[in-house]
Amino acid sequence: MKNARIFKLIDIVEDIKKTDAMIQLHENLDEGDFMMSQYLSKKEKLISYLIDELVSPALRSERSFSAVKLVLDTFYPDLSKKQSPKSEGEDLSLLEAVL
């Protein structure tokens, strides 16, 4: 793995952390949901990009899969506790049941 690629991924993680801080700020300000929804969308895009890079052919390995799990555990610590509405995750519920 090239150092440039690692530094790019580190920058993405730093951007996610900054976005999380902005989400926390807007949760505390209670000025409405518009800005928070914008930051949540940005966070999802950054995490999706990070995961895509970690599972790309150049990086794909058990270690990169472990890094994906770490990303999810770090930025979505309550993910397994949350229940999504049926309309959002019906198809994924079938997959989760099999897993």
C-alpha atoms as a PDB file:
ATOM      1  CA  MET A   1       0.000   0.000   0.000  1.00  0.00           C
ATOM      2  CA  LYS A   2       1.360   3.375  -0.944  1.00  0.00           C
ATOM      3  CA  ASN A   3       1.848   6.062   1.669  1.00  0.00           C
ATOM      4  CA  ALA A   4      -0.130   8.563  -0.405  1.00  0.00           C
ATOM      5  CA  ARG A   5      -3.205   6.337  -0.276  1.00  0.00           C
ATOM      6  CA  ILE A   6      -2.875   5.888   3.495  1.00  0.00           C
ATOM      7  CA  PHE A   7      -2.537   9.630   4.034  1.00  0.00           C
ATOM      8  CA  LYS A   8      -5.625  10.201   1.881  1.00  0.00           C
ATOM      9  CA  LEU A   9      -7.596   7.740   4.032  1.00  0.00           C
ATOM     10  CA  ILE A  10      -6.293   9.388   7.200  1.00  0.00           C
ATOM     11  CA  ASP A  11      -7.500  12.751   5.862  1.00  0.00           C
ATOM     12  CA  ILE A  12     -10.936  11.239   5.267  1.00  0.00           C
ATOM     13  CA  VAL A  13     -11.048   9.928   8.845  1.00  0.00           C
ATOM     14  CA  GLU A  14     -10.118  13.403  10.106  1.00  0.00           C
ATOM     15  CA  ASP A  15     -12.910  14.904   7.977  1.00  0.00           C
ATOM     16  CA  ILE A  16     -15.367  12.411   9.471  1.00  0.00           C
ATOM     17  CA  LYS A  17     -14.259  13.382  12.990  1.00  0.00           C
ATOM     18  CA  LYS A  18     -14.733  17.089  12.197  1.00  0.00           C
ATOM     19  CA  THR A  19     -18.156  16.368  10.719  1.00  0.00           C
ATOM     20  CA  ASP A  20     -19.099  14.415  13.848  1.00  0.00           C
ATOM     21  CA  ALA A  21     -18.092  17.433  15.944  1.00  0.00           C
ATOM     22  CA  MET A  22     -20.351  19.657  13.843  1.00  0.00           C
ATOM     23  CA  ILE A  23     -23.217  17.184  14.261  1.00  0.00           C
ATOM     24  CA  GLN A  24     -22.743  17.318  18.039  1.00  0.00           C
ATOM     25  CA  LEU A  25     -22.660  21.113  17.956  1.00  0.00           C
ATOM     26  CA  HIS A  26     -25.922  21.332  16.025  1.00  0.00           C
ATOM     27  CA  GLU A  27     -27.567  18.746  18.279  1.00  0.00           C
ATOM     28  CA  ASN A  28     -26.734  20.953  21.261  1.00  0.00           C
ATOM     29  CA  LEU A  29     -27.818  24.215  19.590  1.00  0.00           C
ATOM     30  CA  ASP A  30     -31.275  22.872  18.834  1.00  0.00           C
ATOM     31  CA  GLU A  31     -31.757  25.297  15.926  1.00  0.00           C
ATOM     32  CA  GLY A  32     -33.604  22.868  13.722  1.00  0.00           C
ATOM     33  CA  ASP A  33     -32.660  19.807  11.789  1.00  0.00           C
ATOM     34  CA  PHE A  34     -31.555  21.297   8.478  1.00  0.00           C
ATOM     35  CA  MET A  35     -27.855  21.781   9.272  1.00  0.00           C
ATOM     36  CA  MET A  36     -27.632  18.559  11.225  1.00  0.00           C
ATOM     37  CA  SER A  37     -29.179  16.630   8.334  1.00  0.00           C
ATOM     38  CA  GLN A  38     -26.617  18.185   6.000  1.00  0.00           C
ATOM     39  CA  TYR A  39     -23.752  17.082   8.239  1.00  0.00           C
ATOM     40  CA  LEU A  40     -25.253  13.604   8.665  1.00  0.00           C
ATOM     41  CA  SER A  41     -25.427  13.269   4.889  1.00  0.00           C
ATOM     42  CA  LYS A  42     -21.810  14.407   4.561  1.00  0.00           C
ATOM     43  CA  LYS A  43     -20.742  11.890   7.224  1.00  0.00           C
ATOM     44  CA  GLU A  44     -22.508   9.056   5.398  1.00  0.00           C
ATOM     45  CA  LYS A  45     -20.820   9.983   2.115  1.00  0.00           C
ATOM     46  CA  LEU A  46     -17.376  10.170   3.720  1.00  0.00           C
ATOM     47  CA  ILE A  47     -17.806   6.838   5.499  1.00  0.00           C
ATOM     48  CA  SER A  48     -19.108   5.208   2.317  1.00  0.00           C
ATOM     49  CA  TYR A  49     -16.078   6.464   0.416  1.00  0.00           C
ATOM     50  CA  LEU A  50     -13.711   5.271   3.151  1.00  0.00           C
ATOM     51  CA  ILE A  51     -15.267   1.794   3.175  1.00  0.00           C
ATOM     52  CA  ASP A  52     -15.199   1.624  -0.634  1.00  0.00           C
ATOM     53  CA  GLU A  53     -11.485   2.397  -0.555  1.00  0.00           C
ATOM     54  CA  LEU A  54     -10.816  -0.184   2.153  1.00  0.00           C
ATOM     55  CA  VAL A  55     -12.515  -2.951   0.154  1.00  0.00           C
ATOM     56  CA  SER A  56     -11.034  -1.923  -3.187  1.00  0.00           C
ATOM     57  CA  PRO A  57      -8.926  -4.599  -4.911  1.00  0.00           C
ATOM     58  CA  ALA A  58      -5.697  -2.799  -4.017  1.00  0.00           C
ATOM     59  CA  LEU A  59      -6.396  -2.984  -0.267  1.00  0.00           C
ATOM     60  CA  ARG A  60      -8.786  -5.921   0.098  1.00  0.00           C
ATOM     61  CA  SER A  61      -7.627  -8.248   2.870  1.00  0.00           C
ATOM     62  CA  GLU A  62      -8.706  -9.556   6.247  1.00  0.00           C
ATOM     63  CA  ARG A  63      -7.011  -6.555   7.789  1.00  0.00           C
ATOM     64  CA  SER A  64      -8.929  -4.095   5.612  1.00  0.00           C
ATOM     65  CA  PHE A  65     -12.182  -5.879   6.540  1.00  0.00           C
ATOM     66  CA  SER A  66     -11.192  -5.474  10.175  1.00  0.00           C
ATOM     67  CA  ALA A  67     -10.615  -1.769   9.499  1.00  0.00           C
ATOM     68  CA  VAL A  68     -14.144  -1.517   8.044  1.00  0.00           C
ATOM     69  CA  LYS A  69     -15.523  -3.033  11.247  1.00  0.00           C
ATOM     70  CA  LEU A  70     -13.471  -0.556  13.275  1.00  0.00           C
ATOM     71  CA  VAL A  71     -14.828   2.348  11.208  1.00  0.00           C
ATOM     72  CA  LEU A  72     -18.404   1.209  11.829  1.00  0.00           C
ATOM     73  CA  ASP A  73     -17.811   0.587  15.536  1.00  0.00           C
ATOM     74  CA  THR A  74     -16.127   3.973  15.937  1.00  0.00           C
ATOM     75  CA  PHE A  75     -18.548   6.182  14.053  1.00  0.00           C
ATOM     76  CA  TYR A  76     -21.759   4.196  14.631  1.00  0.00           C
ATOM     77  CA  PRO A  77     -21.323   2.717  18.133  1.00  0.00           C
ATOM     78  CA  ASP A  78     -25.059   2.098  18.613  1.00  0.00           C
ATOM     79  CA  LEU A  79     -25.626   0.656  15.157  1.00  0.00           C
ATOM     80  CA  SER A  80     -26.616  -2.826  16.295  1.00  0.00           C
ATOM     81  CA  LYS A  81     -29.041  -1.407  18.876  1.00  0.00           C
ATOM     82  CA  LYS A  82     -30.938   0.777  16.407  1.00  0.00           C
ATOM     83  CA  GLN A  83     -33.912  -0.565  14.534  1.00  0.00           C
ATOM     84  CA  SER A  84     -34.540   1.033  11.163  1.00  0.00           C
ATOM     85  CA  PRO A  85     -38.101   1.519   9.984  1.00  0.00           C
ATOM     86  CA  LYS A  86     -39.400  -1.441   7.962  1.00  0.00           C
ATOM     87  CA  SER A  87     -39.599   0.577   4.761  1.00  0.00           C
ATOM     88  CA  GLU A  88     -35.887   1.416   4.962  1.00  0.00           C
ATOM     89  CA  GLY A  89     -34.475  -1.998   5.668  1.00  0.00           C
ATOM     90  CA  GLU A  90     -36.894  -4.735   4.694  1.00  0.00           C
ATOM     91  CA  ASP A  91     -34.532  -6.325   2.181  1.00  0.00           C
ATOM     92  CA  LEU A  92     -31.582  -5.966   4.531  1.00  0.00           C
ATOM     93  CA  SER A  93     -33.587  -7.573   7.332  1.00  0.00           C
ATOM     94  CA  LEU A  94     -33.725 -10.761   5.277  1.00  0.00           C
ATOM     95  CA  LEU A  95     -29.960 -10.704   4.840  1.00  0.00           C
ATOM     96  CA  GLU A  96     -29.416  -9.981   8.536  1.00  0.00           C
ATOM     97  CA  ALA A  97     -31.614 -12.933   9.468  1.00  0.00           C
ATOM     98  CA  VAL A  98     -29.448 -15.227   7.348  1.00  0.00           C
ATOM     99  CA  LEU A  99     -26.258 -13.863   8.898  1.00  0.00           C
END
